[in-house]
């Protein structure tokens, strides 16, 4: 069910705001996701990702602004929105004592699918999300990856036009994560499903998303294709792995010419530089003179989506903290 007109966005928001006790969790978000797109939604914890998704899924009413999903207003016609979307939230709420088939049949009844239609749809989903022989086993016997795929199947029972996935692979091992990625890609490519994906894995957005929006402090601060966003960073990245106190290494290199940004994560130091080949010998020489630091590895690479996220979200959060002081 959809009321989309030709050229209309599958998901759109204008000046969307949500306040909690006078705190703005979402502060004027504008979105336009066309039909058939996988849109990656990224942001640090507390940035407003989940609140935005909950408003788009009709689980929260906006404080102000507007949003339309599948052609329907989320505040004025939430029932129609719900009939047109599938939602798989971060924590799969599955009854571990039932079988996969029983849960799919229950979901079909909740959406008032006739019995014959429901049986046909369940057969399609078993193949589509690779549930296989586990369908008639109790969910408590499923692996984490299998539970995620079942949750995905439940979101697709009523053949929605739009699928909201909230951190769908959190906690999964790399193999299970890639299996979920493959299912999402296949759904998008074969069925034209629009997907709104929130994720904490930057490589997940890079792998799946046609476009990415980065939210920080309740506002979208960058948007574009992964490649467009990487080009905006534009600079080389030097990555060091060190033994010793990485904060000492940070202090040693931050004052070097052409070092534009230095980030430290455990034993890894990531530097944004204007000229990577020229920076490497300067960095190596400076650290060789720094007591207590032993460089184990140094690499030069082009920016990734992780670098975009660190630069854009970090800059916006720093500005927000400064403004609040």
Protein backbone atom coordinates (compact mmCIF):
# COMPACT_ATOMS: atom_id res chain seq x y z
CA UNK A 1 0.00 0.00 0.00
CA UNK A 2 1.47 3.34 -1.08
CA UNK A 3 0.26 6.77 -2.09
CA UNK A 4 3.55 7.79 -3.72
CA UNK A 5 3.21 10.09 -6.70
CA UNK A 6 5.65 10.06 -9.62
CA UNK A 7 8.92 11.62 -8.52
CA UNK A 8 7.98 11.64 -4.83
CA UNK A 9 10.49 10.52 -2.22
CA UNK A 10 9.88 7.23 -0.42
CA UNK A 11 11.04 8.90 2.82
CA UNK A 12 11.11 12.65 3.35
CA UNK A 13 11.41 14.94 6.34
CA UNK A 14 11.31 18.71 6.65
CA UNK A 15 12.64 20.52 9.73
CA UNK A 16 11.93 17.44 11.83
CA UNK A 17 12.32 18.15 15.56
CA UNK A 18 11.93 16.01 18.66
CA UNK A 19 12.39 17.40 22.15
CA UNK A 20 12.65 15.58 25.47
CA UNK A 21 12.23 17.80 28.53
CA UNK A 22 13.41 20.86 26.61
CA UNK A 23 16.40 19.02 25.12
CA UNK A 24 16.41 18.73 21.34
CA UNK A 25 17.42 15.20 20.42
CA UNK A 26 16.61 15.91 16.76
CA UNK A 27 17.06 19.49 15.64
CA UNK A 28 15.60 20.26 12.21
CA UNK A 29 16.42 17.18 10.13
CA UNK A 30 15.76 17.34 6.37
CA UNK A 31 15.74 14.10 4.37
CA UNK A 32 14.73 12.90 0.93
CA UNK A 33 15.25 9.22 0.10
CA UNK A 34 14.04 8.21 -3.37
CA UNK A 35 12.37 4.83 -4.01
CA UNK A 36 14.83 1.97 -4.47
CA UNK A 37 17.73 3.60 -2.61
CA UNK A 38 19.72 2.20 0.31
CA UNK A 39 20.30 5.18 2.59
CA UNK A 40 22.92 4.82 5.31
CA UNK A 41 22.32 6.86 8.46
CA UNK A 42 25.41 7.33 10.63
CA UNK A 43 26.19 9.17 13.83
CA UNK A 44 27.87 8.82 17.21
CA UNK A 45 25.90 7.60 20.23
CA UNK A 46 23.38 10.22 21.29
CA UNK A 47 23.48 12.04 17.95
CA UNK A 48 19.77 11.51 17.21
CA UNK A 49 19.84 8.46 14.90
CA UNK A 50 17.43 6.25 16.80
CA UNK A 51 15.07 9.12 17.65
CA UNK A 52 14.86 10.06 13.97
CA UNK A 53 14.14 6.46 12.96
CA UNK A 54 11.49 6.08 15.65
CA UNK A 55 9.70 9.16 14.33
CA UNK A 56 9.85 7.90 10.75
CA UNK A 57 8.47 4.52 11.90
CA UNK A 58 5.63 6.27 13.84
CA UNK A 59 6.92 5.07 17.23
CA UNK A 60 7.44 8.70 18.33
CA UNK A 61 5.50 11.81 17.36
CA UNK A 62 7.56 14.76 16.12
CA UNK A 63 7.60 17.83 18.32
CA UNK A 64 7.52 19.94 15.15
CA UNK A 65 8.27 19.67 11.47
CA UNK A 66 6.89 16.98 9.20
CA UNK A 67 7.74 13.64 7.65
CA UNK A 68 6.13 11.45 5.00
CA UNK A 69 6.91 7.78 4.52
CA UNK A 70 5.53 5.80 1.57
CA UNK A 71 3.45 8.86 0.73
CA UNK A 72 1.72 9.15 4.13
CA UNK A 73 2.22 11.68 6.91
CA UNK A 74 3.75 9.98 9.96
CA UNK A 75 1.71 12.08 12.42
CA UNK A 76 -1.61 12.29 10.60
CA UNK A 77 -1.80 8.79 9.13
CA UNK A 78 0.49 6.49 11.13
CA UNK A 79 -1.60 3.38 10.38
CA UNK A 80 -1.04 3.72 6.64
CA UNK A 81 2.68 4.31 7.20
CA UNK A 82 2.93 1.08 9.22
CA UNK A 83 1.23 -0.96 6.53
CA UNK A 84 3.84 0.16 4.00
CA UNK A 85 7.01 -0.38 6.01
CA UNK A 86 8.98 -3.23 7.52
CA UNK A 87 11.04 -2.62 10.65
CA UNK A 88 13.88 -4.68 12.10
CA UNK A 89 15.16 -2.98 15.22
CA UNK A 90 18.55 -3.45 16.85
CA UNK A 91 17.36 -6.08 19.32
CA UNK A 92 15.33 -8.79 17.63
CA UNK A 93 12.25 -9.41 19.81
CA UNK A 94 11.69 -13.09 19.05
CA UNK A 95 9.81 -15.65 21.14
CA UNK A 96 12.53 -18.23 21.68
CA UNK A 97 10.00 -20.98 22.43
CA UNK A 98 8.31 -20.81 19.03
CA UNK A 99 9.55 -22.02 15.67
CA UNK A 100 10.46 -19.71 12.84
CA UNK A 101 7.40 -20.86 10.92
CA UNK A 102 5.08 -20.15 13.84
CA UNK A 103 6.41 -16.61 14.15
CA UNK A 104 6.04 -15.98 10.43
CA UNK A 105 2.48 -17.31 10.48
CA UNK A 106 1.64 -15.08 13.44
CA UNK A 107 3.09 -12.04 11.64
CA UNK A 108 1.02 -12.86 8.57
CA UNK A 109 -2.16 -13.01 10.68
CA UNK A 110 -1.34 -9.66 12.29
CA UNK A 111 -1.26 -8.14 8.82
CA UNK A 112 -4.52 -9.95 7.90
CA UNK A 113 -3.01 -11.97 5.06
CA UNK A 114 -5.34 -14.74 3.81
CA UNK A 115 -4.07 -18.23 4.72
CA UNK A 116 -3.20 -19.21 1.15
CA UNK A 117 -1.35 -15.93 0.57
CA UNK A 118 0.50 -16.31 3.87
CA UNK A 119 1.68 -19.85 3.01
CA UNK A 120 2.96 -18.71 -0.37
CA UNK A 121 4.69 -15.70 1.15
CA UNK A 122 6.38 -17.75 3.87
CA UNK A 123 7.68 -20.19 1.25
CA UNK A 124 9.16 -17.23 -0.67
CA UNK A 125 10.79 -15.80 2.44
CA UNK A 126 12.38 -19.10 3.44
CA UNK A 127 14.30 -19.02 0.18
CA UNK A 128 14.84 -15.27 0.13
CA UNK A 129 16.55 -14.95 3.51
CA UNK A 130 18.08 -18.43 3.59
CA UNK A 131 16.30 -19.80 6.68
CA UNK A 132 16.18 -23.32 5.21
CA UNK A 133 15.59 -26.37 7.40
CA UNK A 134 15.71 -24.27 10.57
CA UNK A 135 12.23 -22.93 9.85
CA UNK A 136 10.55 -25.67 11.92
CA UNK A 137 13.05 -25.58 14.77
CA UNK A 138 12.65 -23.48 17.90
CA UNK A 139 14.22 -20.05 17.74
CA UNK A 140 16.29 -20.76 20.87
CA UNK A 141 18.35 -23.17 18.75
CA UNK A 142 19.17 -20.46 16.16
CA UNK A 143 22.56 -18.78 15.87
CA UNK A 144 22.77 -14.99 16.11
CA UNK A 145 22.97 -14.68 12.34
CA UNK A 146 19.94 -16.93 11.86
CA UNK A 147 17.90 -14.88 14.33
CA UNK A 148 18.79 -11.71 12.42
CA UNK A 149 17.67 -13.28 9.14
CA UNK A 150 14.41 -14.46 10.73
CA UNK A 151 13.83 -10.95 12.07
CA UNK A 152 14.41 -9.66 8.54
CA UNK A 153 11.90 -12.17 7.16
CA UNK A 154 9.31 -11.07 9.74
CA UNK A 155 9.74 -7.47 8.59
CA UNK A 156 9.09 -8.56 5.00
CA UNK A 157 6.01 -10.78 5.44
CA UNK A 158 3.55 -8.13 4.20
CA UNK A 159 5.77 -7.10 1.25
CA UNK A 160 6.56 -3.55 2.37
CA UNK A 161 7.93 -0.94 -0.01
CA UNK A 162 10.34 0.41 2.62
CA UNK A 163 12.53 -1.42 5.12
CA UNK A 164 14.00 0.23 8.22
CA UNK A 165 17.04 -1.58 9.61
CA UNK A 166 18.42 -0.33 12.92
CA UNK A 167 21.97 -1.62 13.35
CA UNK A 168 21.04 -5.01 11.86
CA UNK A 169 24.42 -6.69 12.33
CA UNK A 170 25.48 -5.45 15.77
CA UNK A 171 27.07 -8.30 17.70
CA UNK A 172 27.35 -10.68 14.74
CA UNK A 173 30.57 -12.36 13.67
CA UNK A 174 32.08 -11.21 10.33
CA UNK A 175 30.66 -14.17 8.36
CA UNK A 176 27.11 -13.66 9.67
CA UNK A 177 27.41 -9.92 9.06
CA UNK A 178 28.29 -10.46 5.43
CA UNK A 179 25.40 -12.90 5.01
CA UNK A 180 23.00 -10.21 6.21
CA UNK A 181 24.64 -7.70 3.86
CA UNK A 182 24.10 -10.08 0.95
CA UNK A 183 20.40 -10.46 1.81
CA UNK A 184 19.87 -6.70 2.02
CA UNK A 185 21.64 -6.17 -1.33
CA UNK A 186 19.58 -8.88 -2.96
CA UNK A 187 16.31 -7.45 -1.69
CA UNK A 188 17.24 -4.03 -2.98
CA UNK A 189 18.49 -5.21 -6.37
CA UNK A 190 15.84 -7.84 -7.12
CA UNK A 191 12.77 -6.23 -5.55
CA UNK A 192 13.62 -2.53 -5.63
CA UNK A 193 13.13 -2.29 -1.86
CA UNK A 194 13.96 1.08 -0.31
CA UNK A 195 16.19 0.58 2.74
CA UNK A 196 16.89 3.05 5.55
CA UNK A 197 19.91 1.66 7.37
CA UNK A 198 21.35 2.89 10.65
CA UNK A 199 24.67 1.32 11.50
CA UNK A 200 27.69 1.68 13.75
CA UNK A 201 29.87 -0.16 11.22
CA UNK A 202 31.32 2.29 8.72
CA UNK A 203 32.31 -0.50 6.34
CA UNK A 204 28.67 -1.63 6.35
CA UNK A 205 27.51 1.75 5.03
CA UNK A 206 30.38 1.77 2.53
CA UNK A 207 29.38 -1.70 1.32
CA UNK A 208 25.62 -1.20 1.10
CA UNK A 209 24.56 2.43 0.93
CA UNK A 210 23.95 4.39 -2.26
CA UNK A 211 24.00 7.56 -0.17
CA UNK A 212 25.00 8.33 3.40
CA UNK A 213 23.80 10.95 5.88
CA UNK A 214 25.87 11.76 8.97
CA UNK A 215 24.01 13.15 11.97
CA UNK A 216 25.67 14.91 14.91
CA UNK A 217 24.02 16.80 17.75
CA UNK A 218 20.60 16.27 16.19
CA UNK A 219 21.47 17.74 12.77
CA UNK A 220 22.55 16.20 9.48
CA UNK A 221 26.04 17.60 8.95
CA UNK A 222 27.09 15.77 5.77
CA UNK A 223 25.33 13.84 3.03
CA UNK A 224 26.32 12.24 -0.27
CA UNK A 225 27.52 9.03 -1.83
CA UNK A 226 30.36 7.33 0.05
CA UNK A 227 32.76 8.35 -2.73
CA UNK A 228 31.59 11.98 -2.68
CA UNK A 229 32.12 12.17 1.07
CA UNK A 230 35.58 10.64 0.81
CA UNK A 231 36.55 13.19 -1.85
CA UNK A 232 35.46 16.00 0.48
CA UNK A 233 38.04 14.86 3.01
CA UNK A 234 40.48 14.86 0.13
CA UNK A 235 43.65 14.40 2.12
CA UNK A 236 46.00 11.49 2.67
CA UNK A 237 45.83 9.38 5.82
CA UNK A 238 48.91 8.13 7.67
CA UNK A 239 48.19 5.35 10.17
CA UNK A 240 50.66 4.36 12.87
CA UNK A 241 50.68 1.45 15.28
CA UNK A 242 52.95 2.09 18.24
CA UNK A 243 54.24 0.51 21.41
CA UNK A 244 54.26 2.89 24.35
CA UNK A 245 51.99 5.76 25.32
CA UNK A 246 50.08 6.86 22.18
CA UNK A 247 49.38 10.24 23.80
CA UNK A 248 53.14 10.90 23.77
CA UNK A 249 53.19 10.11 20.07
CA UNK A 250 50.21 12.43 19.53
CA UNK A 251 52.00 15.29 21.30
CA UNK A 252 55.16 14.66 19.29
CA UNK A 253 53.60 14.79 15.81
CA UNK A 254 50.74 17.28 16.19
CA UNK A 255 53.02 20.29 15.69
CA UNK A 256 54.63 19.02 12.48
CA UNK A 257 53.98 20.95 9.25
CA UNK A 258 51.07 19.69 7.12
CA UNK A 259 49.57 17.59 9.94
CA UNK A 260 45.95 18.71 9.92
CA UNK A 261 44.34 16.29 12.39
CA UNK A 262 45.50 13.52 14.71
CA UNK A 263 43.17 10.91 16.24
CA UNK A 264 44.22 8.26 18.78
CA UNK A 265 42.40 4.95 19.30
CA UNK A 266 44.19 2.52 21.63
CA UNK A 267 47.54 1.81 19.92
CA UNK A 268 46.56 3.29 16.57
CA UNK A 269 47.28 6.88 15.56
CA UNK A 270 45.53 8.27 12.49
CA UNK A 271 46.76 11.50 10.90
CA UNK A 272 45.16 13.61 8.19
CA UNK A 273 47.97 15.11 6.09
CA UNK A 274 48.09 17.27 3.00
CA UNK A 275 50.96 15.30 1.42
CA UNK A 276 51.38 11.72 2.64
CA UNK A 277 54.74 10.86 1.01
CA UNK A 278 56.27 14.07 2.38
CA UNK A 279 54.79 13.61 5.85
CA UNK A 280 55.96 10.04 6.47
CA UNK A 281 59.71 10.74 6.83
CA UNK A 282 59.02 13.75 9.08
CA UNK A 283 56.74 11.68 11.31
CA UNK A 284 59.23 8.80 11.45
CA UNK A 285 62.11 11.13 12.34
CA UNK A 286 60.14 12.92 15.07
CA UNK A 287 58.99 9.67 16.71
CA UNK A 288 62.49 8.19 16.54
CA UNK A 289 63.55 11.03 18.84
CA UNK A 290 60.63 10.52 21.23
CA UNK A 291 61.50 8.44 24.30
CA UNK A 292 59.06 5.65 25.14
CA UNK A 293 57.61 5.27 21.63
CA UNK A 294 58.37 2.38 19.29
CA UNK A 295 56.71 2.52 15.86
CA UNK A 296 55.58 -0.98 14.83
CA UNK A 297 53.79 -0.13 11.60
CA UNK A 298 53.23 2.92 9.39
CA UNK A 299 50.90 2.95 6.38
CA UNK A 300 49.67 5.54 3.90
CA UNK A 301 46.21 5.29 2.35
CA UNK A 302 43.39 7.26 0.85
CA UNK A 303 40.46 8.39 3.07
CA UNK A 304 37.77 5.90 4.04
CA UNK A 305 34.25 6.50 5.30
CA UNK A 306 35.67 6.10 8.83
CA UNK A 307 37.86 9.15 8.20
CA UNK A 308 34.90 11.14 6.90
CA UNK A 309 32.89 10.21 9.99
CA UNK A 310 35.68 11.11 12.41
CA UNK A 311 36.31 14.46 10.75
CA UNK A 312 32.74 15.60 10.16
CA UNK A 313 31.06 14.25 13.30
CA UNK A 314 34.04 15.13 15.49
CA UNK A 315 34.14 18.71 14.21
CA UNK A 316 30.42 19.21 14.78
CA UNK A 317 30.46 17.70 18.26
CA UNK A 318 33.43 19.89 19.23
CA UNK A 319 31.56 22.97 17.98
CA UNK A 320 28.49 21.93 19.99
CA UNK A 321 30.53 21.49 23.16
CA UNK A 322 32.18 24.89 22.67
CA UNK A 323 28.82 26.57 22.17
CA UNK A 324 27.45 25.03 25.38
CA UNK A 325 30.30 26.34 27.53
